[in-house]
Amino acid sequence: NPILHNNLGSVLDLLVEQKESLNCYQKAIKLDNRYVEAYINLAMIHEK
């Protein structure tokens, strides 16, 4: 379920665990390559 990986990524970001957060968003996109929210979250991590 890509949504679950995205949600884990969002809370890891809040815990300042950016590397792990990146991995979660990448897993979400691998599971659903049209998952817009995960692409945006991944972009925001790279921006930080």
ModelCIF file with pLDDT and N, C-alpha, C, O atoms, coordinates in Angstrom:
data_MODEL
#
_entry.id   MODEL 
#
_entity.id                         1 
_entity.type                       polymer 
_entity.pdbx_number_of_molecules   1 
#
_entity_poly.entity_id                      1 
_entity_poly.type                           'polypeptide(L)' 
_entity_poly.nstd_linkage                   no 
_entity_poly.nstd_monomer                   no 
_entity_poly.pdbx_seq_one_letter_code       NPILHNNLGSVLDLLVEQKESLNCYQKAIKLDNRYVEAYINLAMIHEK 
_entity_poly.pdbx_seq_one_letter_code_can   NPILHNNLGSVLDLLVEQKESLNCYQKAIKLDNRYVEAYINLAMIHEK 
_entity_poly.pdbx_strand_id                 A 
#
loop_
_entity_poly_seq.entity_id 
_entity_poly_seq.num 
_entity_poly_seq.mon_id 
_entity_poly_seq.hetero 
1 1  ASN n 
1 2  PRO n 
1 3  ILE n 
1 4  LEU n 
1 5  HIS n 
1 6  ASN n 
1 7  ASN n 
1 8  LEU n 
1 9  GLY n 
1 10 SER n 
1 11 VAL n 
1 12 LEU n 
1 13 ASP n 
1 14 LEU n 
1 15 LEU n 
1 16 VAL n 
1 17 GLU n 
1 18 GLN n 
1 19 LYS n 
1 20 GLU n 
1 21 SER n 
1 22 LEU n 
1 23 ASN n 
1 24 CYS n 
1 25 TYR n 
1 26 GLN n 
1 27 LYS n 
1 28 ALA n 
1 29 ILE n 
1 30 LYS n 
1 31 LEU n 
1 32 ASP n 
1 33 ASN n 
1 34 ARG n 
1 35 TYR n 
1 36 VAL n 
1 37 GLU n 
1 38 ALA n 
1 39 TYR n 
1 40 ILE n 
1 41 ASN n 
1 42 LEU n 
1 43 ALA n 
1 44 MET n 
1 45 ILE n 
1 46 HIS n 
1 47 GLU n 
1 48 LYS n 
#
_struct_asym.id          A 
_struct_asym.entity_id   1 
#
loop_
_ma_qa_metric.id 
_ma_qa_metric.mode 
_ma_qa_metric.name 
_ma_qa_metric.software_group_id 
_ma_qa_metric.type 
1 global pLDDT . pLDDT 
2 local  pLDDT . pLDDT 
#
_ma_qa_metric_global.metric_id      1 
_ma_qa_metric_global.metric_value   96.52 
_ma_qa_metric_global.model_id       1 
_ma_qa_metric_global.ordinal_id     1 
#
loop_
_ma_qa_metric_local.label_asym_id 
_ma_qa_metric_local.label_comp_id 
_ma_qa_metric_local.label_seq_id 
_ma_qa_metric_local.metric_id 
_ma_qa_metric_local.metric_value 
_ma_qa_metric_local.model_id 
_ma_qa_metric_local.ordinal_id 
A ASN 1  2 98.00 1 1  
A PRO 2  2 98.00 1 2  
A ILE 3  2 98.00 1 3  
A LEU 4  2 98.00 1 4  
A HIS 5  2 98.00 1 5  
A ASN 6  2 98.00 1 6  
A ASN 7  2 98.00 1 7  
A LEU 8  2 98.00 1 8  
A GLY 9  2 98.00 1 9  
A SER 10 2 97.00 1 10 
A VAL 11 2 98.00 1 11 
A LEU 12 2 98.00 1 12 
A ASP 13 2 96.00 1 13 
A LEU 14 2 97.00 1 14 
A LEU 15 2 97.00 1 15 
A VAL 16 2 94.00 1 16 
A GLU 17 2 95.00 1 17 
A GLN 18 2 91.00 1 18 
A LYS 19 2 92.00 1 19 
A GLU 20 2 96.00 1 20 
A SER 21 2 97.00 1 21 
A LEU 22 2 96.00 1 22 
A ASN 23 2 97.00 1 23 
A CYS 24 2 98.00 1 24 
A TYR 25 2 98.00 1 25 
A GLN 26 2 97.00 1 26 
A LYS 27 2 98.00 1 27 
A ALA 28 2 98.00 1 28 
A ILE 29 2 97.00 1 29 
A LYS 30 2 98.00 1 30 
A LEU 31 2 98.00 1 31 
A ASP 32 2 98.00 1 32 
A ASN 33 2 97.00 1 33 
A ARG 34 2 97.00 1 34 
A TYR 35 2 97.00 1 35 
A VAL 36 2 97.00 1 36 
A GLU 37 2 96.00 1 37 
A ALA 38 2 97.00 1 38 
A TYR 39 2 97.00 1 39 
A ILE 40 2 97.00 1 40 
A ASN 41 2 97.00 1 41 
A LEU 42 2 96.00 1 42 
A ALA 43 2 96.00 1 43 
A MET 44 2 94.00 1 44 
A ILE 45 2 94.00 1 45 
A HIS 46 2 94.00 1 46 
A GLU 47 2 93.00 1 47 
A LYS 48 2 91.00 1 48 
#
loop_
_atom_site.group_PDB 
_atom_site.id 
_atom_site.type_symbol 
_atom_site.label_atom_id 
_atom_site.label_alt_id 
_atom_site.label_comp_id 
_atom_site.label_asym_id 
_atom_site.label_entity_id 
_atom_site.label_seq_id 
_atom_site.pdbx_PDB_ins_code 
_atom_site.Cartn_x 
_atom_site.Cartn_y 
_atom_site.Cartn_z 
_atom_site.occupancy 
_atom_site.B_iso_or_equiv 
_atom_site.pdbx_formal_charge 
_atom_site.auth_seq_id 
_atom_site.auth_comp_id 
_atom_site.auth_asym_id 
_atom_site.auth_atom_id 
_atom_site.pdbx_PDB_model_num 
ATOM 1   N N  . ASN A 1 1  ? 0.849  -1.199 0.000   1.00 98.00 ? 1  ASN A N  1 
ATOM 2   C CA . ASN A 1 1  ? 0.000  0.000  0.000   1.00 98.00 ? 1  ASN A CA 1 
ATOM 3   C C  . ASN A 1 1  ? 0.884  1.249  0.000   1.00 98.00 ? 1  ASN A C  1 
ATOM 4   O O  . ASN A 1 1  ? 1.543  1.522  1.003   1.00 98.00 ? 1  ASN A O  1 
ATOM 5   N N  . PRO A 1 2  ? 0.915  2.008  -1.090  1.00 98.00 ? 2  PRO A N  1 
ATOM 6   C CA . PRO A 1 2  ? 1.808  3.181  -1.167  1.00 98.00 ? 2  PRO A CA 1 
ATOM 7   C C  . PRO A 1 2  ? 1.450  4.284  -0.176  1.00 98.00 ? 2  PRO A C  1 
ATOM 8   O O  . PRO A 1 2  ? 2.328  5.026  0.264   1.00 98.00 ? 2  PRO A O  1 
ATOM 9   N N  . ILE A 1 3  ? 0.177  4.401  0.178   1.00 98.00 ? 3  ILE A N  1 
ATOM 10  C CA . ILE A 1 3  ? -0.249 5.450  1.113   1.00 98.00 ? 3  ILE A CA 1 
ATOM 11  C C  . ILE A 1 3  ? 0.412  5.258  2.470   1.00 98.00 ? 3  ILE A C  1 
ATOM 12  O O  . ILE A 1 3  ? 0.785  6.234  3.121   1.00 98.00 ? 3  ILE A O  1 
ATOM 13  N N  . LEU A 1 4  ? 0.559  4.022  2.899   1.00 98.00 ? 4  LEU A N  1 
ATOM 14  C CA . LEU A 1 4  ? 1.169  3.742  4.196   1.00 98.00 ? 4  LEU A CA 1 
ATOM 15  C C  . LEU A 1 4  ? 2.635  4.162  4.212   1.00 98.00 ? 4  LEU A C  1 
ATOM 16  O O  . LEU A 1 4  ? 3.111  4.723  5.200   1.00 98.00 ? 4  LEU A O  1 
ATOM 17  N N  . HIS A 1 5  ? 3.347  3.895  3.127   1.00 98.00 ? 5  HIS A N  1 
ATOM 18  C CA . HIS A 1 5  ? 4.758  4.302  3.031   1.00 98.00 ? 5  HIS A CA 1 
ATOM 19  C C  . HIS A 1 5  ? 4.870  5.826  3.014   1.00 98.00 ? 5  HIS A C  1 
ATOM 20  O O  . HIS A 1 5  ? 5.773  6.395  3.628   1.00 98.00 ? 5  HIS A O  1 
ATOM 21  N N  . ASN A 1 6  ? 3.956  6.477  2.314   1.00 98.00 ? 6  ASN A N  1 
ATOM 22  C CA . ASN A 1 6  ? 3.953  7.943  2.275   1.00 98.00 ? 6  ASN A CA 1 
ATOM 23  C C  . ASN A 1 6  ? 3.699  8.522  3.668   1.00 98.00 ? 6  ASN A C  1 
ATOM 24  O O  . ASN A 1 6  ? 4.352  9.484  4.073   1.00 98.00 ? 6  ASN A O  1 
ATOM 25  N N  . ASN A 1 7  ? 2.754  7.940  4.391   1.00 98.00 ? 7  ASN A N  1 
ATOM 26  C CA . ASN A 1 7  ? 2.442  8.434  5.732   1.00 98.00 ? 7  ASN A CA 1 
ATOM 27  C C  . ASN A 1 7  ? 3.613  8.231  6.694   1.00 98.00 ? 7  ASN A C  1 
ATOM 28  O O  . ASN A 1 7  ? 3.902  9.098  7.519   1.00 98.00 ? 7  ASN A O  1 
ATOM 29  N N  . LEU A 1 8  ? 4.277  7.094  6.586   1.00 98.00 ? 8  LEU A N  1 
ATOM 30  C CA . LEU A 1 8  ? 5.466  6.879  7.412   1.00 98.00 ? 8  LEU A CA 1 
ATOM 31  C C  . LEU A 1 8  ? 6.534  7.903  7.061   1.00 98.00 ? 8  LEU A C  1 
ATOM 32  O O  . LEU A 1 8  ? 7.188  8.451  7.948   1.00 98.00 ? 8  LEU A O  1 
ATOM 33  N N  . GLY A 1 9  ? 6.712  8.161  5.770   1.00 98.00 ? 9  GLY A N  1 
ATOM 34  C CA . GLY A 1 9  ? 7.689  9.166  5.349   1.00 98.00 ? 9  GLY A CA 1 
ATOM 35  C C  . GLY A 1 9  ? 7.392  10.530 5.934   1.00 98.00 ? 9  GLY A C  1 
ATOM 36  O O  . GLY A 1 9  ? 8.311  11.255 6.315   1.00 98.00 ? 9  GLY A O  1 
ATOM 37  N N  . SER A 1 10 ? 6.113  10.891 6.011   1.00 97.00 ? 10 SER A N  1 
ATOM 38  C CA . SER A 1 10 ? 5.747  12.228 6.509   1.00 97.00 ? 10 SER A CA 1 
ATOM 39  C C  . SER A 1 10 ? 6.083  12.383 7.988   1.00 97.00 ? 10 SER A C  1 
ATOM 40  O O  . SER A 1 10 ? 6.513  13.453 8.419   1.00 97.00 ? 10 SER A O  1 
ATOM 41  N N  . VAL A 1 11 ? 5.890  11.318 8.768   1.00 98.00 ? 11 VAL A N  1 
ATOM 42  C CA . VAL A 1 11 ? 6.194  11.434 10.197  1.00 98.00 ? 11 VAL A CA 1 
ATOM 43  C C  . VAL A 1 11 ? 7.700  11.329 10.445  1.00 98.00 ? 11 VAL A C  1 
ATOM 44  O O  . VAL A 1 11 ? 8.214  11.935 11.385  1.00 98.00 ? 11 VAL A O  1 
ATOM 45  N N  . LEU A 1 12 ? 8.402  10.572 9.619   1.00 98.00 ? 12 LEU A N  1 
ATOM 46  C CA . LEU A 1 12 ? 9.862  10.529 9.732   1.00 98.00 ? 12 LEU A CA 1 
ATOM 47  C C  . LEU A 1 12 ? 10.470 11.892 9.418   1.00 98.00 ? 12 LEU A C  1 
ATOM 48  O O  . LEU A 1 12 ? 11.461 12.289 10.031  1.00 98.00 ? 12 LEU A O  1 
ATOM 49  N N  . ASP A 1 13 ? 9.887  12.595 8.480   1.00 96.00 ? 13 ASP A N  1 
ATOM 50  C CA . ASP A 1 13 ? 10.327 13.956 8.176   1.00 96.00 ? 13 ASP A CA 1 
ATOM 51  C C  . ASP A 1 13 ? 10.173 14.846 9.405   1.00 96.00 ? 13 ASP A C  1 
ATOM 52  O O  . ASP A 1 13 ? 11.070 15.622 9.733   1.00 96.00 ? 13 ASP A O  1 
ATOM 53  N N  . LEU A 1 14 ? 9.039  14.731 10.080  1.00 97.00 ? 14 LEU A N  1 
ATOM 54  C CA . LEU A 1 14 ? 8.809  15.526 11.293  1.00 97.00 ? 14 LEU A CA 1 
ATOM 55  C C  . LEU A 1 14 ? 9.782  15.159 12.414  1.00 97.00 ? 14 LEU A C  1 
ATOM 56  O O  . LEU A 1 14 ? 10.093 15.983 13.274  1.00 97.00 ? 14 LEU A O  1 
ATOM 57  N N  . LEU A 1 15 ? 10.254 13.922 12.391  1.00 97.00 ? 15 LEU A N  1 
ATOM 58  C CA . LEU A 1 15 ? 11.242 13.470 13.374  1.00 97.00 ? 15 LEU A CA 1 
ATOM 59  C C  . LEU A 1 15 ? 12.669 13.768 12.924  1.00 97.00 ? 15 LEU A C  1 
ATOM 60  O O  . LEU A 1 15 ? 13.632 13.344 13.563  1.00 97.00 ? 15 LEU A O  1 
ATOM 61  N N  . VAL A 1 16 ? 12.797 14.500 11.820  1.00 94.00 ? 16 VAL A N  1 
ATOM 62  C CA . VAL A 1 16 ? 14.086 14.890 11.225  1.00 94.00 ? 16 VAL A CA 1 
ATOM 63  C C  . VAL A 1 16 ? 14.920 13.644 10.900  1.00 94.00 ? 16 VAL A C  1 
ATOM 64  O O  . VAL A 1 16 ? 16.125 13.599 11.143  1.00 94.00 ? 16 VAL A O  1 
ATOM 65  N N  . GLU A 1 17 ? 14.249 12.654 10.351  1.00 95.00 ? 17 GLU A N  1 
ATOM 66  C CA . GLU A 1 17 ? 14.914 11.443 9.863   1.00 95.00 ? 17 GLU A CA 1 
ATOM 67  C C  . GLU A 1 17 ? 14.768 11.446 8.336   1.00 95.00 ? 17 GLU A C  1 
ATOM 68  O O  . GLU A 1 17 ? 14.077 10.613 7.750   1.00 95.00 ? 17 GLU A O  1 
ATOM 69  N N  . GLN A 1 18 ? 15.457 12.429 7.713   1.00 91.00 ? 18 GLN A N  1 
ATOM 70  C CA . GLN A 1 18 ? 15.228 12.687 6.295   1.00 91.00 ? 18 GLN A CA 1 
ATOM 71  C C  . GLN A 1 18 ? 15.636 11.529 5.374   1.00 91.00 ? 18 GLN A C  1 
ATOM 72  O O  . GLN A 1 18 ? 14.954 11.259 4.386   1.00 91.00 ? 18 GLN A O  1 
ATOM 73  N N  . LYS A 1 19 ? 16.718 10.860 5.683   1.00 92.00 ? 19 LYS A N  1 
ATOM 74  C CA . LYS A 1 19 ? 17.162 9.758  4.825   1.00 92.00 ? 19 LYS A CA 1 
ATOM 75  C C  . LYS A 1 19 ? 16.113 8.654  4.801   1.00 92.00 ? 19 LYS A C  1 
ATOM 76  O O  . LYS A 1 19 ? 15.774 8.131  3.740   1.00 92.00 ? 19 LYS A O  1 
ATOM 77  N N  . GLU A 1 20 ? 15.604 8.305  5.976   1.00 96.00 ? 20 GLU A N  1 
ATOM 78  C CA . GLU A 1 20 ? 14.571 7.272  6.057   1.00 96.00 ? 20 GLU A CA 1 
ATOM 79  C C  . GLU A 1 20 ? 13.281 7.749  5.395   1.00 96.00 ? 20 GLU A C  1 
ATOM 80  O O  . GLU A 1 20 ? 12.573 6.968  4.760   1.00 96.00 ? 20 GLU A O  1 
ATOM 81  N N  . SER A 1 21 ? 12.984 9.037  5.549   1.00 97.00 ? 21 SER A N  1 
ATOM 82  C CA . SER A 1 21 ? 11.803 9.614  4.924   1.00 97.00 ? 21 SER A CA 1 
ATOM 83  C C  . SER A 1 21 ? 11.888 9.522  3.399   1.00 97.00 ? 21 SER A C  1 
ATOM 84  O O  . SER A 1 21 ? 10.922 9.146  2.736   1.00 97.00 ? 21 SER A O  1 
ATOM 85  N N  . LEU A 1 22 ? 13.039 9.866  2.859   1.00 96.00 ? 22 LEU A N  1 
ATOM 86  C CA . LEU A 1 22 ? 13.260 9.740  1.415   1.00 96.00 ? 22 LEU A CA 1 
ATOM 87  C C  . LEU A 1 22 ? 12.987 8.324  0.936   1.00 96.00 ? 22 LEU A C  1 
ATOM 88  O O  . LEU A 1 22 ? 12.328 8.119  -0.083  1.00 96.00 ? 22 LEU A O  1 
ATOM 89  N N  . ASN A 1 23 ? 13.497 7.350  1.676   1.00 97.00 ? 23 ASN A N  1 
ATOM 90  C CA . ASN A 1 23 ? 13.310 5.947  1.286   1.00 97.00 ? 23 ASN A CA 1 
ATOM 91  C C  . ASN A 1 23 ? 11.829 5.577  1.251   1.00 97.00 ? 23 ASN A C  1 
ATOM 92  O O  . ASN A 1 23 ? 11.388 4.837  0.371   1.00 97.00 ? 23 ASN A O  1 
ATOM 93  N N  . CYS A 1 24 ? 11.071 6.091  2.207   1.00 98.00 ? 24 CYS A N  1 
ATOM 94  C CA . CYS A 1 24 ? 9.636  5.786  2.244   1.00 98.00 ? 24 CYS A CA 1 
ATOM 95  C C  . CYS A 1 24 ? 8.912  6.363  1.033   1.00 98.00 ? 24 CYS A C  1 
ATOM 96  O O  . CYS A 1 24 ? 8.092  5.691  0.408   1.00 98.00 ? 24 CYS A O  1 
ATOM 97  N N  . TYR A 1 25 ? 9.223  7.610  0.710   1.00 98.00 ? 25 TYR A N  1 
ATOM 98  C CA . TYR A 1 25 ? 8.563  8.227  -0.447  1.00 98.00 ? 25 TYR A CA 1 
ATOM 99  C C  . TYR A 1 25 ? 8.953  7.510  -1.745  1.00 98.00 ? 25 TYR A C  1 
ATOM 100 O O  . TYR A 1 25 ? 8.128  7.353  -2.646  1.00 98.00 ? 25 TYR A O  1 
ATOM 101 N N  . GLN A 1 26 ? 10.200 7.084  -1.831  1.00 97.00 ? 26 GLN A N  1 
ATOM 102 C CA . GLN A 1 26 ? 10.630 6.351  -3.022  1.00 97.00 ? 26 GLN A CA 1 
ATOM 103 C C  . GLN A 1 26 ? 9.913  5.009  -3.136  1.00 97.00 ? 26 GLN A C  1 
ATOM 104 O O  . GLN A 1 26 ? 9.568  4.574  -4.235  1.00 97.00 ? 26 GLN A O  1 
ATOM 105 N N  . LYS A 1 27 ? 9.690  4.353  -1.993  1.00 98.00 ? 27 LYS A N  1 
ATOM 106 C CA . LYS A 1 27 ? 8.928  3.097  -2.009  1.00 98.00 ? 27 LYS A CA 1 
ATOM 107 C C  . LYS A 1 27 ? 7.494  3.351  -2.452  1.00 98.00 ? 27 LYS A C  1 
ATOM 108 O O  . LYS A 1 27 ? 6.928  2.576  -3.223  1.00 98.00 ? 27 LYS A O  1 
ATOM 109 N N  . ALA A 1 28 ? 6.910  4.438  -1.963  1.00 98.00 ? 28 ALA A N  1 
ATOM 110 C CA . ALA A 1 28 ? 5.535  4.773  -2.343  1.00 98.00 ? 28 ALA A CA 1 
ATOM 111 C C  . ALA A 1 28 ? 5.421  4.966  -3.850  1.00 98.00 ? 28 ALA A C  1 
ATOM 112 O O  . ALA A 1 28 ? 4.472  4.491  -4.472  1.00 98.00 ? 28 ALA A O  1 
ATOM 113 N N  . ILE A 1 29 ? 6.391  5.665  -4.432  1.00 97.00 ? 29 ILE A N  1 
ATOM 114 C CA . ILE A 1 29 ? 6.380  5.925  -5.875  1.00 97.00 ? 29 ILE A CA 1 
ATOM 115 C C  . ILE A 1 29 ? 6.635  4.650  -6.668  1.00 97.00 ? 29 ILE A C  1 
ATOM 116 O O  . ILE A 1 29 ? 6.071  4.454  -7.744  1.00 97.00 ? 29 ILE A O  1 
ATOM 117 N N  . LYS A 1 30 ? 7.487  3.789  -6.129  1.00 98.00 ? 30 LYS A N  1 
ATOM 118 C CA . LYS A 1 30 ? 7.738  2.508  -6.798  1.00 98.00 ? 30 LYS A CA 1 
ATOM 119 C C  . LYS A 1 30 ? 6.459  1.673  -6.867  1.00 98.00 ? 30 LYS A C  1 
ATOM 120 O O  . LYS A 1 30 ? 6.210  0.971  -7.847  1.00 98.00 ? 30 LYS A O  1 
ATOM 121 N N  . LEU A 1 31 ? 5.655  1.766  -5.804  1.00 98.00 ? 31 LEU A N  1 
ATOM 122 C CA . LEU A 1 31 ? 4.395  1.025  -5.768  1.00 98.00 ? 31 LEU A CA 1 
ATOM 123 C C  . LEU A 1 31 ? 3.316  1.681  -6.619  1.00 98.00 ? 31 LEU A C  1 
ATOM 124 O O  . LEU A 1 31 ? 2.433  1.000  -7.140  1.00 98.00 ? 31 LEU A O  1 
ATOM 125 N N  . ASP A 1 32 ? 3.387  3.005  -6.760  1.00 98.00 ? 32 ASP A N  1 
ATOM 126 C CA . ASP A 1 32 ? 2.407  3.744  -7.564  1.00 98.00 ? 32 ASP A CA 1 
ATOM 127 C C  . ASP A 1 32 ? 3.109  4.936  -8.204  1.00 98.00 ? 32 ASP A C  1 
ATOM 128 O O  . ASP A 1 32 ? 3.296  5.973  -7.567  1.00 98.00 ? 32 ASP A O  1 
ATOM 129 N N  . ASN A 1 33 ? 3.492  4.781  -9.456  1.00 97.00 ? 33 ASN A N  1 
ATOM 130 C CA . ASN A 1 33 ? 4.284  5.828  -10.107 1.00 97.00 ? 33 ASN A CA 1 
ATOM 131 C C  . ASN A 1 33 ? 3.453  7.033  -10.552 1.00 97.00 ? 33 ASN A C  1 
ATOM 132 O O  . ASN A 1 33 ? 3.953  7.919  -11.246 1.00 97.00 ? 33 ASN A O  1 
ATOM 133 N N  . ARG A 1 34 ? 2.184  7.057  -10.147 1.00 97.00 ? 34 ARG A N  1 
ATOM 134 C CA . ARG A 1 34 ? 1.331  8.226  -10.412 1.00 97.00 ? 34 ARG A CA 1 
ATOM 135 C C  . ARG A 1 34 ? 0.851  8.874  -9.108  1.00 97.00 ? 34 ARG A C  1 
ATOM 136 O O  . ARG A 1 34 ? -0.151 9.588  -9.089  1.00 97.00 ? 34 ARG A O  1 
ATOM 137 N N  . TYR A 1 35 ? 1.568  8.618  -8.043  1.00 97.00 ? 35 TYR A N  1 
ATOM 138 C CA . TYR A 1 35 ? 1.180  9.093  -6.716  1.00 97.00 ? 35 TYR A CA 1 
ATOM 139 C C  . TYR A 1 35 ? 1.714  10.508 -6.513  1.00 97.00 ? 35 TYR A C  1 
ATOM 140 O O  . TYR A 1 35 ? 2.851  10.699 -6.081  1.00 97.00 ? 35 TYR A O  1 
ATOM 141 N N  . VAL A 1 36 ? 0.878  11.496 -6.830  1.00 97.00 ? 36 VAL A N  1 
ATOM 142 C CA . VAL A 1 36 ? 1.294  12.901 -6.859  1.00 97.00 ? 36 VAL A CA 1 
ATOM 143 C C  . VAL A 1 36 ? 1.812  13.365 -5.497  1.00 97.00 ? 36 VAL A C  1 
ATOM 144 O O  . VAL A 1 36 ? 2.857  14.012 -5.420  1.00 97.00 ? 36 VAL A O  1 
ATOM 145 N N  . GLU A 1 37 ? 1.095  13.041 -4.434  1.00 96.00 ? 37 GLU A N  1 
ATOM 146 C CA . GLU A 1 37 ? 1.489  13.516 -3.104  1.00 96.00 ? 37 GLU A CA 1 
ATOM 147 C C  . GLU A 1 37 ? 2.880  13.022 -2.720  1.00 96.00 ? 37 GLU A C  1 
ATOM 148 O O  . GLU A 1 37 ? 3.654  13.755 -2.104  1.00 96.00 ? 37 GLU A O  1 
ATOM 149 N N  . ALA A 1 38 ? 3.197  11.781 -3.081  1.00 97.00 ? 38 ALA A N  1 
ATOM 150 C CA . ALA A 1 38 ? 4.520  11.243 -2.748  1.00 97.00 ? 38 ALA A CA 1 
ATOM 151 C C  . ALA A 1 38 ? 5.620  11.970 -3.523  1.00 97.00 ? 38 ALA A C  1 
ATOM 152 O O  . ALA A 1 38 ? 6.697  12.212 -2.978  1.00 97.00 ? 38 ALA A O  1 
ATOM 153 N N  . TYR A 1 39 ? 5.363  12.320 -4.786  1.00 97.00 ? 39 TYR A N  1 
ATOM 154 C CA . TYR A 1 39 ? 6.345  13.102 -5.553  1.00 97.00 ? 39 TYR A CA 1 
ATOM 155 C C  . TYR A 1 39 ? 6.573  14.465 -4.904  1.00 97.00 ? 39 TYR A C  1 
ATOM 156 O O  . TYR A 1 39 ? 7.712  14.922 -4.804  1.00 97.00 ? 39 TYR A O  1 
ATOM 157 N N  . ILE A 1 40 ? 5.502  15.111 -4.464  1.00 97.00 ? 40 ILE A N  1 
ATOM 158 C CA . ILE A 1 40 ? 5.639  16.420 -3.824  1.00 97.00 ? 40 ILE A CA 1 
ATOM 159 C C  . ILE A 1 40 ? 6.409  16.302 -2.513  1.00 97.00 ? 40 ILE A C  1 
ATOM 160 O O  . ILE A 1 40 ? 7.281  17.120 -2.222  1.00 97.00 ? 40 ILE A O  1 
ATOM 161 N N  . ASN A 1 41 ? 6.084  15.283 -1.727  1.00 97.00 ? 41 ASN A N  1 
ATOM 162 C CA . ASN A 1 41 ? 6.801  15.088 -0.457  1.00 97.00 ? 41 ASN A CA 1 
ATOM 163 C C  . ASN A 1 41 ? 8.276  14.808 -0.698  1.00 97.00 ? 41 ASN A C  1 
ATOM 164 O O  . ASN A 1 41 ? 9.137  15.279 0.045   1.00 97.00 ? 41 ASN A O  1 
ATOM 165 N N  . LEU A 1 42 ? 8.560  14.041 -1.737  1.00 96.00 ? 42 LEU A N  1 
ATOM 166 C CA . LEU A 1 42 ? 9.953  13.751 -2.077  1.00 96.00 ? 42 LEU A CA 1 
ATOM 167 C C  . LEU A 1 42 ? 10.668 15.032 -2.503  1.00 96.00 ? 42 LEU A C  1 
ATOM 168 O O  . LEU A 1 42 ? 11.816 15.261 -2.124  1.00 96.00 ? 42 LEU A O  1 
ATOM 169 N N  . ALA A 1 43 ? 9.997  15.853 -3.279  1.00 96.00 ? 43 ALA A N  1 
ATOM 170 C CA . ALA A 1 43 ? 10.568 17.139 -3.689  1.00 96.00 ? 43 ALA A CA 1 
ATOM 171 C C  . ALA A 1 43 ? 10.865 18.019 -2.476  1.00 96.00 ? 43 ALA A C  1 
ATOM 172 O O  . ALA A 1 43 ? 11.912 18.662 -2.406  1.00 96.00 ? 43 ALA A O  1 
ATOM 173 N N  . MET A 1 44 ? 9.938  18.042 -1.527  1.00 94.00 ? 44 MET A N  1 
ATOM 174 C CA . MET A 1 44 ? 10.115 18.890 -0.346  1.00 94.00 ? 44 MET A CA 1 
ATOM 175 C C  . MET A 1 44 ? 11.289 18.433 0.519   1.00 94.00 ? 44 MET A C  1 
ATOM 176 O O  . MET A 1 44 ? 11.995 19.259 1.098   1.00 94.00 ? 44 MET A O  1 
ATOM 177 N N  . ILE A 1 45 ? 11.497 17.120 0.606   1.00 94.00 ? 45 ILE A N  1 
ATOM 178 C CA . ILE A 1 45 ? 12.663 16.615 1.354   1.00 94.00 ? 45 ILE A CA 1 
ATOM 179 C C  . ILE A 1 45 ? 13.945 17.055 0.676   1.00 94.00 ? 45 ILE A C  1 
ATOM 180 O O  . ILE A 1 45 ? 14.870 17.526 1.337   1.00 94.00 ? 45 ILE A O  1 
ATOM 181 N N  . HIS A 1 46 ? 14.008 16.903 -0.652  1.00 94.00 ? 46 HIS A N  1 
ATOM 182 C CA . HIS A 1 46 ? 15.213 17.326 -1.383  1.00 94.00 ? 46 HIS A CA 1 
ATOM 183 C C  . HIS A 1 46 ? 15.423 18.834 -1.238  1.00 94.00 ? 46 HIS A C  1 
ATOM 184 O O  . HIS A 1 46 ? 16.558 19.304 -1.158  1.00 94.00 ? 46 HIS A O  1 
ATOM 185 N N  . GLU A 1 47 ? 14.331 19.578 -1.205  1.00 93.00 ? 47 GLU A N  1 
ATOM 186 C CA . GLU A 1 47 ? 14.445 21.026 -1.002  1.00 93.00 ? 47 GLU A CA 1 
ATOM 187 C C  . GLU A 1 47 ? 15.060 21.338 0.357   1.00 93.00 ? 47 GLU A C  1 
ATOM 188 O O  . GLU A 1 47 ? 15.929 22.204 0.461   1.00 93.00 ? 47 GLU A O  1 
ATOM 189 N N  . LYS A 1 48 ? 14.614 20.639 1.400   1.00 91.00 ? 48 LYS A N  1 
ATOM 190 C CA . LYS A 1 48 ? 15.183 20.839 2.741   1.00 91.00 ? 48 LYS A CA 1 
ATOM 191 C C  . LYS A 1 48 ? 16.667 20.497 2.774   1.00 91.00 ? 48 LYS A C  1 
ATOM 192 O O  . LYS A 1 48 ? 17.303 20.608 3.822   1.00 91.00 ? 48 LYS A O  1 
#
